[in-house]
């Protein structure tokens, strides 16, 4: 499975990170780093909130944005969406921690570190890089680990977007105390996509949670379909990466949800 390959490679990357820094010093620096604009508040407000993703490539689609000018993309997003997701996974999505660091230095919009978090050191690193939130994937974390990671995010002033793609993962995520739940319409094991996943899972999420629909959202028709689900936000990457006008597309999506 692709997910297993990504996690195996990520373990190597994490070991390299651990070898290159002093963990205690990293934790101290993370705690002393000022928090950015709230990711939670950006998604909580009325209407449809949009998380725009800076995405160069993916395992399922290959190279999506050959001319990947991440700073220009982030600047366009800052004028049109409510939060920005920055891929930092290097091997399968061709992302980089430096993208997050550089974007955070110039853009005030809340930033999500999109990666495969398998060790707490990545959460502390995310804060230092300038993230407002981190992605936690239920498919690769057990309950105790998820609880621990959510606790760490709260302690250092980050939010956690916890991603699920079936009911079993949702139950684990709710038990872990997640406040922002992402429903991935892409099955991470097969990479098949269905927006029906959002409709099926969202109805089982308590009212006090923020719900984000992720993956496979490309058109006005998709937005109108998702109006039938109880969601607060969408996460869109590929569709924005392939359009000539991110600002107009974001406006069209918001209008279609009204």
Protein backbone atom coordinates (compact mmCIF):
# COMPACT_ATOMS: atom_id res chain seq x y z
CA UNK A 1 0.00 0.00 0.00
CA UNK A 2 1.15 3.54 -0.77
CA UNK A 3 0.40 4.69 2.77
CA UNK A 4 2.74 2.07 4.24
CA UNK A 5 5.53 3.14 1.86
CA UNK A 6 5.04 6.81 2.81
CA UNK A 7 5.21 6.00 6.53
CA UNK A 8 8.32 3.85 6.11
CA UNK A 9 10.10 6.65 4.28
CA UNK A 10 8.89 9.16 6.87
CA UNK A 11 10.48 7.11 9.65
CA UNK A 12 13.84 7.57 7.91
CA UNK A 13 13.24 11.33 7.60
CA UNK A 14 12.30 11.57 11.29
CA UNK A 15 15.45 9.70 12.31
CA UNK A 16 17.48 12.18 10.26
CA UNK A 17 15.74 15.10 11.98
CA UNK A 18 16.41 13.63 15.41
CA UNK A 19 20.07 13.15 14.56
CA UNK A 20 20.40 16.74 13.36
CA UNK A 21 19.05 18.55 16.41
CA UNK A 22 18.80 18.60 20.19
CA UNK A 23 15.26 17.51 21.08
CA UNK A 24 15.08 19.41 24.37
CA UNK A 25 16.27 22.58 22.64
CA UNK A 26 13.71 22.07 19.85
CA UNK A 27 10.88 21.72 22.39
CA UNK A 28 12.04 24.85 24.20
CA UNK A 29 12.18 26.82 20.95
CA UNK A 30 8.72 25.60 19.96
CA UNK A 31 7.23 26.73 23.26
CA UNK A 32 8.90 30.13 22.89
CA UNK A 33 7.73 30.63 19.29
CA UNK A 34 4.78 33.02 19.07
CA UNK A 35 1.51 31.45 17.94
CA UNK A 36 0.14 32.48 14.55
CA UNK A 37 -3.44 33.37 13.60
CA UNK A 38 -5.86 30.65 14.75
CA UNK A 39 -6.64 27.85 12.30
CA UNK A 40 -9.69 26.88 14.37
CA UNK A 41 -11.17 30.39 14.29
CA UNK A 42 -10.59 30.64 10.54
CA UNK A 43 -12.79 27.58 9.99
CA UNK A 44 -15.38 28.32 12.67
CA UNK A 45 -16.89 31.45 11.17
CA UNK A 46 -20.25 31.36 9.29
CA UNK A 47 -20.39 30.19 5.67
CA UNK A 48 -17.96 27.93 3.87
CA UNK A 49 -14.32 28.25 4.90
CA UNK A 50 -11.69 27.17 2.40
CA UNK A 51 -8.27 25.68 3.06
CA UNK A 52 -6.20 26.12 -0.09
CA UNK A 53 -3.35 23.68 -0.51
CA UNK A 54 0.08 24.45 -1.93
CA UNK A 55 0.68 21.13 -3.68
CA UNK A 56 3.36 20.29 -6.21
CA UNK A 57 2.68 16.56 -6.66
CA UNK A 58 0.92 13.50 -5.25
CA UNK A 59 1.38 9.71 -5.45
CA UNK A 60 -1.91 9.29 -7.30
CA UNK A 61 -1.59 12.15 -9.81
CA UNK A 62 2.16 12.58 -10.16
CA UNK A 63 3.44 16.08 -10.90
CA UNK A 64 0.49 18.50 -10.55
CA UNK A 65 2.23 21.89 -10.66
CA UNK A 66 5.55 21.74 -12.58
CA UNK A 67 6.16 25.51 -12.18
CA UNK A 68 5.64 25.39 -8.41
CA UNK A 69 6.11 29.00 -7.27
CA UNK A 70 4.91 28.39 -3.71
CA UNK A 71 5.29 31.99 -2.58
CA UNK A 72 3.11 33.31 -5.43
CA UNK A 73 0.56 30.57 -4.72
CA UNK A 74 0.51 31.49 -1.02
CA UNK A 75 0.09 35.18 -1.84
CA UNK A 76 -2.88 34.39 -4.09
CA UNK A 77 -4.36 32.18 -1.40
CA UNK A 78 -3.93 34.93 1.20
CA UNK A 79 -6.34 37.06 -0.85
CA UNK A 80 -8.96 34.35 -1.37
CA UNK A 81 -9.05 31.54 1.22
CA UNK A 82 -9.29 31.25 5.00
CA UNK A 83 -6.28 29.00 5.67
CA UNK A 84 -3.41 27.54 3.68
CA UNK A 85 -2.25 23.92 3.74
CA UNK A 86 1.46 23.52 2.99
CA UNK A 87 2.77 20.08 2.08
CA UNK A 88 6.07 19.36 3.77
CA UNK A 89 6.34 15.65 2.82
CA UNK A 90 9.40 15.43 0.59
CA UNK A 91 9.42 12.03 -1.10
CA UNK A 92 5.92 11.37 -2.43
CA UNK A 93 4.39 14.88 -2.56
CA UNK A 94 7.63 16.77 -3.32
CA UNK A 95 6.95 19.16 -0.46
CA UNK A 96 9.48 20.70 1.90
CA UNK A 97 9.64 22.15 5.42
CA UNK A 98 11.31 25.22 3.86
CA UNK A 99 8.09 26.01 1.97
CA UNK A 100 6.24 26.33 5.27
CA UNK A 101 9.03 28.36 6.87
CA UNK A 102 9.24 30.83 3.99
CA UNK A 103 5.48 31.20 3.57
CA UNK A 104 5.01 31.79 7.30
CA UNK A 105 7.57 34.59 7.14
CA UNK A 106 5.49 36.60 4.67
CA UNK A 107 1.86 35.45 4.93
CA UNK A 108 -0.36 36.10 7.94
CA UNK A 109 -3.09 33.59 6.91
CA UNK A 110 -3.32 30.53 9.25
CA UNK A 111 -1.11 27.69 8.01
CA UNK A 112 -1.57 23.93 8.24
CA UNK A 113 1.46 21.65 8.16
CA UNK A 114 0.33 18.84 5.83
CA UNK A 115 2.52 15.83 6.45
CA UNK A 116 2.52 12.33 7.89
CA UNK A 117 3.07 12.94 11.60
CA UNK A 118 4.47 9.81 13.26
CA UNK A 119 6.60 11.38 16.00
CA UNK A 120 6.08 14.27 18.42
CA UNK A 121 9.25 15.95 17.18
CA UNK A 122 7.38 16.81 13.95
CA UNK A 123 4.75 18.73 15.94
CA UNK A 124 7.35 20.84 17.74
CA UNK A 125 9.13 21.40 14.42
CA UNK A 126 5.84 22.51 12.84
CA UNK A 127 5.46 25.28 15.44
CA UNK A 128 8.99 26.54 14.78
CA UNK A 129 8.40 26.44 11.01
CA UNK A 130 5.39 28.75 11.46
CA UNK A 131 2.38 26.41 11.40
CA UNK A 132 -0.93 27.29 13.03
CA UNK A 133 -2.02 23.63 12.91
CA UNK A 134 -0.83 20.14 12.08
CA UNK A 135 -2.51 17.26 10.28
CA UNK A 136 -2.92 14.05 12.28
CA UNK A 137 -3.99 10.99 10.27
CA UNK A 138 -6.15 8.49 12.14
CA UNK A 139 -5.13 5.67 9.80
CA UNK A 140 -1.53 5.76 11.04
CA UNK A 141 -1.99 6.65 14.73
CA UNK A 142 -3.37 4.55 17.57
CA UNK A 143 -5.72 6.07 20.14
CA UNK A 144 -3.13 6.74 22.86
CA UNK A 145 -0.72 8.35 20.40
CA UNK A 146 -3.48 10.54 18.98
CA UNK A 147 -4.47 11.70 22.47
CA UNK A 148 -0.83 12.49 23.24
CA UNK A 149 -0.32 14.46 20.03
CA UNK A 150 -3.53 16.46 20.46
CA UNK A 151 -2.41 17.30 24.01
CA UNK A 152 0.98 18.50 22.71
CA UNK A 153 -0.64 20.74 20.09
CA UNK A 154 -2.76 22.42 22.77
CA UNK A 155 0.22 22.90 25.06
CA UNK A 156 2.26 24.73 22.42
CA UNK A 157 -0.54 26.75 20.81
CA UNK A 158 -1.32 24.72 17.70
CA UNK A 159 -4.58 23.26 16.42
CA UNK A 160 -4.91 19.71 15.12
CA UNK A 161 -6.86 18.72 12.02
CA UNK A 162 -7.51 15.02 12.60
CA UNK A 163 -8.24 13.14 9.39
CA UNK A 164 -10.54 10.12 9.04
CA UNK A 165 -11.95 8.15 6.12
CA UNK A 166 -14.24 5.61 7.79
CA UNK A 167 -16.47 5.22 10.83
CA UNK A 168 -13.94 3.22 12.85
CA UNK A 169 -11.40 6.04 12.51
CA UNK A 170 -14.06 8.60 13.41
CA UNK A 171 -14.90 6.80 16.66
CA UNK A 172 -11.21 6.72 17.61
CA UNK A 173 -10.82 10.39 16.72
CA UNK A 174 -13.82 11.47 18.81
CA UNK A 175 -12.53 9.45 21.76
CA UNK A 176 -9.16 11.19 21.40
CA UNK A 177 -10.88 14.56 21.81
CA UNK A 178 -10.37 16.01 18.33
CA UNK A 179 -12.03 19.40 17.78
CA UNK A 180 -11.41 19.69 14.03
CA UNK A 181 -12.22 16.59 12.00
CA UNK A 182 -11.24 16.20 8.38
CA UNK A 183 -13.06 13.66 6.23
CA UNK A 184 -10.75 12.44 3.48
CA UNK A 185 -12.77 11.52 0.41
CA UNK A 186 -9.68 9.71 -0.85
CA UNK A 187 -9.12 6.26 0.58
CA UNK A 188 -5.46 6.34 1.63
CA UNK A 189 -5.11 2.62 0.98
CA UNK A 190 -6.57 2.50 -2.55
CA UNK A 191 -6.50 6.25 -3.41
CA UNK A 192 -10.04 5.96 -4.81
CA UNK A 193 -12.11 9.14 -4.32
CA UNK A 194 -15.81 9.58 -3.46
CA UNK A 195 -17.50 12.69 -2.06
CA UNK A 196 -20.15 10.36 -0.63
CA UNK A 197 -17.61 9.58 2.09
CA UNK A 198 -18.18 13.07 3.51
CA UNK A 199 -21.96 12.70 3.48
CA UNK A 200 -21.83 9.30 5.18
CA UNK A 201 -19.42 10.29 7.94
CA UNK A 202 -20.38 13.94 8.62
CA UNK A 203 -23.86 13.04 9.87
CA UNK A 204 -22.25 11.10 12.73
CA UNK A 205 -20.09 13.96 13.97
CA UNK A 206 -21.33 15.99 16.99
CA UNK A 207 -22.49 19.58 16.38
CA UNK A 208 -19.70 21.11 18.44
CA UNK A 209 -16.96 19.83 16.11
CA UNK A 210 -15.59 21.60 13.04
CA UNK A 211 -15.90 19.38 9.95
CA UNK A 212 -13.67 19.66 6.88
CA UNK A 213 -14.25 17.80 3.61
CA UNK A 214 -10.95 16.94 1.92
CA UNK A 215 -9.90 15.66 -1.52
CA UNK A 216 -11.67 15.32 -4.86
CA UNK A 217 -13.41 18.72 -4.74
CA UNK A 218 -13.11 20.23 -8.20
CA UNK A 219 -16.31 21.91 -9.37
CA UNK A 220 -19.35 24.02 -8.46
CA UNK A 221 -21.37 20.80 -8.72
CA UNK A 222 -19.15 19.21 -6.06
CA UNK A 223 -19.78 22.16 -3.73
CA UNK A 224 -23.53 21.94 -4.27
CA UNK A 225 -23.38 18.22 -3.52
CA UNK A 226 -21.46 18.87 -0.30
CA UNK A 227 -24.11 21.39 0.82
CA UNK A 228 -26.09 18.28 1.76
CA UNK A 229 -23.45 17.41 4.35
CA UNK A 230 -22.88 19.07 7.68
CA UNK A 231 -19.50 20.66 6.93
CA UNK A 232 -17.79 23.90 7.88
CA UNK A 233 -14.90 23.87 5.44
CA UNK A 234 -13.27 22.25 2.45
CA UNK A 235 -9.62 21.51 1.72
CA UNK A 236 -8.77 21.92 -1.97
CA UNK A 237 -5.39 21.41 -3.60
CA UNK A 238 -5.25 19.99 -7.10
CA UNK A 239 -8.23 21.97 -8.42
CA UNK A 240 -6.64 25.26 -7.35
CA UNK A 241 -3.22 24.20 -8.65
CA UNK A 242 -4.67 23.59 -12.13
CA UNK A 243 -6.74 26.79 -12.41
CA UNK A 244 -5.58 30.08 -13.94
CA UNK A 245 -7.42 32.13 -11.32
CA UNK A 246 -7.40 30.86 -7.73
CA UNK A 247 -9.17 33.96 -6.40
CA UNK A 248 -12.14 33.62 -8.76
CA UNK A 249 -12.44 29.88 -8.19
CA UNK A 250 -12.48 30.35 -4.41
CA UNK A 251 -15.17 33.03 -4.75
CA UNK A 252 -17.24 30.72 -6.97
CA UNK A 253 -16.96 27.90 -4.43
CA UNK A 254 -18.09 30.13 -1.57
CA UNK A 255 -21.01 31.50 -3.57
CA UNK A 256 -22.15 28.01 -4.56
CA UNK A 257 -22.33 27.02 -0.88
CA UNK A 258 -24.56 29.95 0.13
